[in-house]
Amino acid sequence: MNEALIDIATFRALQEAAGRDFVTELVGTFLEEAPGMLAELRDAHAKSDAERFRRTAHSLKSNCNTFGALSLGAMARELELKGMADPASSSAAIDALDAAYVRVAAALKELAHG
């Protein structure tokens, strides 16, 4: 399951470069901050704040890619690039991102502590 959600080579390379304990800490921080970032996306969308929406999607994309959550990062990248050009579409994309995050979070916890 984790292989489909997390690119293991990217995750292991991060562990080798930064150290297993530090990566476990980083994963913990990401798991604490990501729900707030998702809420920030929703709030920016609701308030039609395109710049905040784009910045938040960009930050989420970067964090995901760092851990090898490449599909989740790609979803965030799509939001970053398209912005709020189509409000209905971006709302559905946020919902999909949120659902995918739940699966990625579980996989990251397993990898970081396993």
C-alpha atoms as a PDB file:
ATOM      1  CA  MET A   1       0.000   0.000   0.000  1.00  0.00           C
ATOM      2  CA  ASN A   2       2.716   2.508   0.923  1.00  0.00           C
ATOM      3  CA  GLU A   3       4.499   2.087  -2.404  1.00  0.00           C
ATOM      4  CA  ALA A   4       1.483   3.478  -4.262  1.00  0.00           C
ATOM      5  CA  LEU A   5       1.193   6.462  -1.929  1.00  0.00           C
ATOM      6  CA  ILE A   6       4.834   7.164  -1.099  1.00  0.00           C
ATOM      7  CA  ASP A   7       7.814   6.857  -3.407  1.00  0.00           C
ATOM      8  CA  ILE A   8       9.968   4.658  -1.186  1.00  0.00           C
ATOM      9  CA  ALA A   9      13.228   5.649  -2.900  1.00  0.00           C
ATOM     10  CA  THR A  10      12.561   9.329  -2.189  1.00  0.00           C
ATOM     11  CA  PHE A  11      11.603   8.608   1.415  1.00  0.00           C
ATOM     12  CA  ARG A  12      14.667   6.416   2.027  1.00  0.00           C
ATOM     13  CA  ALA A  13      16.985   8.972   0.378  1.00  0.00           C
ATOM     14  CA  LEU A  14      15.624  11.608   2.746  1.00  0.00           C
ATOM     15  CA  GLN A  15      16.259   9.296   5.708  1.00  0.00           C
ATOM     16  CA  GLU A  16      19.816   8.658   4.536  1.00  0.00           C
ATOM     17  CA  ALA A  17      20.522  12.354   4.000  1.00  0.00           C
ATOM     18  CA  ALA A  18      18.857  13.743   7.124  1.00  0.00           C
ATOM     19  CA  GLY A  19      18.827  10.770   9.476  1.00  0.00           C
ATOM     20  CA  ARG A  20      15.996   8.476  10.419  1.00  0.00           C
ATOM     21  CA  ASP A  21      15.150  10.232  13.701  1.00  0.00           C
ATOM     22  CA  PHE A  22      15.074  13.669  12.098  1.00  0.00           C
ATOM     23  CA  VAL A  23      12.821  12.426   9.286  1.00  0.00           C
ATOM     24  CA  THR A  24      10.479  10.939  11.879  1.00  0.00           C
ATOM     25  CA  GLU A  25      10.348  14.391  13.473  1.00  0.00           C
ATOM     26  CA  LEU A  26       9.752  16.039  10.091  1.00  0.00           C
ATOM     27  CA  VAL A  27       6.936  13.624   9.312  1.00  0.00           C
ATOM     28  CA  GLY A  28       5.361  14.444  12.675  1.00  0.00           C
ATOM     29  CA  THR A  29       5.544  18.160  11.932  1.00  0.00           C
ATOM     30  CA  PHE A  30       4.067  17.664   8.475  1.00  0.00           C
ATOM     31  CA  LEU A  31       1.210  15.588   9.893  1.00  0.00           C
ATOM     32  CA  GLU A  32       0.489  18.334  12.425  1.00  0.00           C
ATOM     33  CA  GLU A  33       0.626  21.165   9.885  1.00  0.00           C
ATOM     34  CA  ALA A  34      -0.988  19.622   6.798  1.00  0.00           C
ATOM     35  CA  PRO A  35      -4.575  19.651   8.130  1.00  0.00           C
ATOM     36  CA  GLY A  36      -4.189  23.378   8.768  1.00  0.00           C
ATOM     37  CA  MET A  37      -2.876  23.850   5.242  1.00  0.00           C
ATOM     38  CA  LEU A  38      -5.886  22.018   3.859  1.00  0.00           C
ATOM     39  CA  ALA A  39      -8.159  24.244   5.957  1.00  0.00           C
ATOM     40  CA  GLU A  40      -6.241  27.270   4.670  1.00  0.00           C
ATOM     41  CA  LEU A  41      -6.908  26.143   1.084  1.00  0.00           C
ATOM     42  CA  ARG A  42     -10.612  25.856   1.832  1.00  0.00           C
ATOM     43  CA  ASP A  43     -10.693  29.257   3.526  1.00  0.00           C
ATOM     44  CA  ALA A  44      -8.787  30.963   0.703  1.00  0.00           C
ATOM     45  CA  HIS A  45     -11.162  29.333  -1.769  1.00  0.00           C
ATOM     46  CA  ALA A  46     -14.223  30.458   0.178  1.00  0.00           C
ATOM     47  CA  LYS A  47     -12.877  34.027   0.351  1.00  0.00           C
ATOM     48  CA  SER A  48     -11.723  34.050  -3.292  1.00  0.00           C
ATOM     49  CA  ASP A  49      -8.181  34.825  -2.140  1.00  0.00           C
ATOM     50  CA  ALA A  50      -6.324  33.501  -5.181  1.00  0.00           C
ATOM     51  CA  GLU A  51      -2.831  34.461  -4.013  1.00  0.00           C
ATOM     52  CA  ARG A  52      -3.202  32.767  -0.607  1.00  0.00           C
ATOM     53  CA  PHE A  53      -4.752  29.761  -2.338  1.00  0.00           C
ATOM     54  CA  ARG A  54      -1.789  29.473  -4.712  1.00  0.00           C
ATOM     55  CA  ARG A  55       0.826  29.936  -1.953  1.00  0.00           C
ATOM     56  CA  THR A  56      -0.801  27.335   0.269  1.00  0.00           C
ATOM     57  CA  ALA A  57      -1.081  24.812  -2.562  1.00  0.00           C
ATOM     58  CA  HIS A  58       2.583  25.476  -3.420  1.00  0.00           C
ATOM     59  CA  SER A  59       3.716  24.869   0.171  1.00  0.00           C
ATOM     60  CA  LEU A  60       1.684  21.698   0.438  1.00  0.00           C
ATOM     61  CA  LYS A  61       3.103  20.463  -2.892  1.00  0.00           C
ATOM     62  CA  SER A  62       6.666  21.074  -1.750  1.00  0.00           C
ATOM     63  CA  ASN A  63       6.149  19.301   1.566  1.00  0.00           C
ATOM     64  CA  CYS A  64       4.524  16.292  -0.085  1.00  0.00           C
ATOM     65  CA  ASN A  65       7.308  15.931  -2.624  1.00  0.00           C
ATOM     66  CA  THR A  66       9.956  16.087   0.108  1.00  0.00           C
ATOM     67  CA  PHE A  67       8.566  12.888   1.646  1.00  0.00           C
ATOM     68  CA  GLY A  68       7.904  11.134  -1.639  1.00  0.00           C
ATOM     69  CA  ALA A  69       4.138  11.660  -1.533  1.00  0.00           C
ATOM     70  CA  LEU A  70       4.373  12.399  -5.232  1.00  0.00           C
ATOM     71  CA  SER A  71       0.754  11.793  -6.221  1.00  0.00           C
ATOM     72  CA  LEU A  72      -0.463  14.046  -3.417  1.00  0.00           C
ATOM     73  CA  GLY A  73       2.153  16.602  -4.429  1.00  0.00           C
ATOM     74  CA  ALA A  74       0.905  16.434  -8.019  1.00  0.00           C
ATOM     75  CA  MET A  75      -2.638  17.078  -6.848  1.00  0.00           C
ATOM     76  CA  ALA A  76      -1.476  20.133  -4.901  1.00  0.00           C
ATOM     77  CA  ARG A  77       0.557  21.279  -7.926  1.00  0.00           C
ATOM     78  CA  GLU A  78      -2.541  21.088 -10.086  1.00  0.00           C
ATOM     79  CA  LEU A  79      -4.369  23.348  -7.618  1.00  0.00           C
ATOM     80  CA  GLU A  80      -1.397  25.699  -7.527  1.00  0.00           C
ATOM     81  CA  LEU A  81      -1.301  26.008 -11.318  1.00  0.00           C
ATOM     82  CA  LYS A  82      -5.027  26.193 -11.999  1.00  0.00           C
ATOM     83  CA  GLY A  83      -5.808  28.317  -8.977  1.00  0.00           C
ATOM     84  CA  MET A  84      -9.434  29.175  -8.628  1.00  0.00           C
ATOM     85  CA  ALA A  85     -10.209  29.663 -12.328  1.00  0.00           C
ATOM     86  CA  ASP A  86     -13.089  27.202 -12.016  1.00  0.00           C
ATOM     87  CA  PRO A  87     -14.461  27.405  -8.445  1.00  0.00           C
ATOM     88  CA  ALA A  88     -16.542  24.209  -8.678  1.00  0.00           C
ATOM     89  CA  SER A  89     -13.618  22.244 -10.056  1.00  0.00           C
ATOM     90  CA  SER A  90     -11.180  23.575  -7.476  1.00  0.00           C
ATOM     91  CA  SER A  91     -13.628  22.777  -4.680  1.00  0.00           C
ATOM     92  CA  ALA A  92     -13.875  19.169  -5.869  1.00  0.00           C
ATOM     93  CA  ALA A  93     -10.074  19.041  -6.198  1.00  0.00           C
ATOM     94  CA  ILE A  94      -9.686  20.191  -2.594  1.00  0.00           C
ATOM     95  CA  ASP A  95     -12.064  17.424  -1.486  1.00  0.00           C
ATOM     96  CA  ALA A  96     -10.003  14.865  -3.422  1.00  0.00           C
ATOM     97  CA  LEU A  97      -6.774  16.270  -1.971  1.00  0.00           C
ATOM     98  CA  ASP A  98      -8.193  16.021   1.528  1.00  0.00           C
ATOM     99  CA  ALA A  99      -9.215  12.383   1.027  1.00  0.00           C
ATOM    100  CA  ALA A 100      -5.834  11.499  -0.471  1.00  0.00           C
ATOM    101  CA  TYR A 101      -4.051  13.210   2.423  1.00  0.00           C
ATOM    102  CA  VAL A 102      -5.736  10.853   4.915  1.00  0.00           C
ATOM    103  CA  ARG A 103      -4.285   7.841   3.089  1.00  0.00           C
ATOM    104  CA  VAL A 104      -0.847   9.449   2.700  1.00  0.00           C
ATOM    105  CA  ALA A 105      -0.764  10.411   6.389  1.00  0.00           C
ATOM    106  CA  ALA A 106      -1.349   6.797   7.408  1.00  0.00           C
ATOM    107  CA  ALA A 107       1.386   5.592   5.028  1.00  0.00           C
ATOM    108  CA  LEU A 108       3.868   8.202   6.286  1.00  0.00           C
ATOM    109  CA  LYS A 109       3.201   7.258   9.910  1.00  0.00           C
ATOM    110  CA  GLU A 110       3.818   3.630   9.079  1.00  0.00           C
ATOM    111  CA  LEU A 111       7.065   4.381   7.216  1.00  0.00           C
ATOM    112  CA  ALA A 112       8.388   6.805   9.813  1.00  0.00           C
ATOM    113  CA  HIS A 113       7.731   4.504  12.744  1.00  0.00           C
ATOM    114  CA  GLY A 114       8.043   1.150  11.030  1.00  0.00           C
END
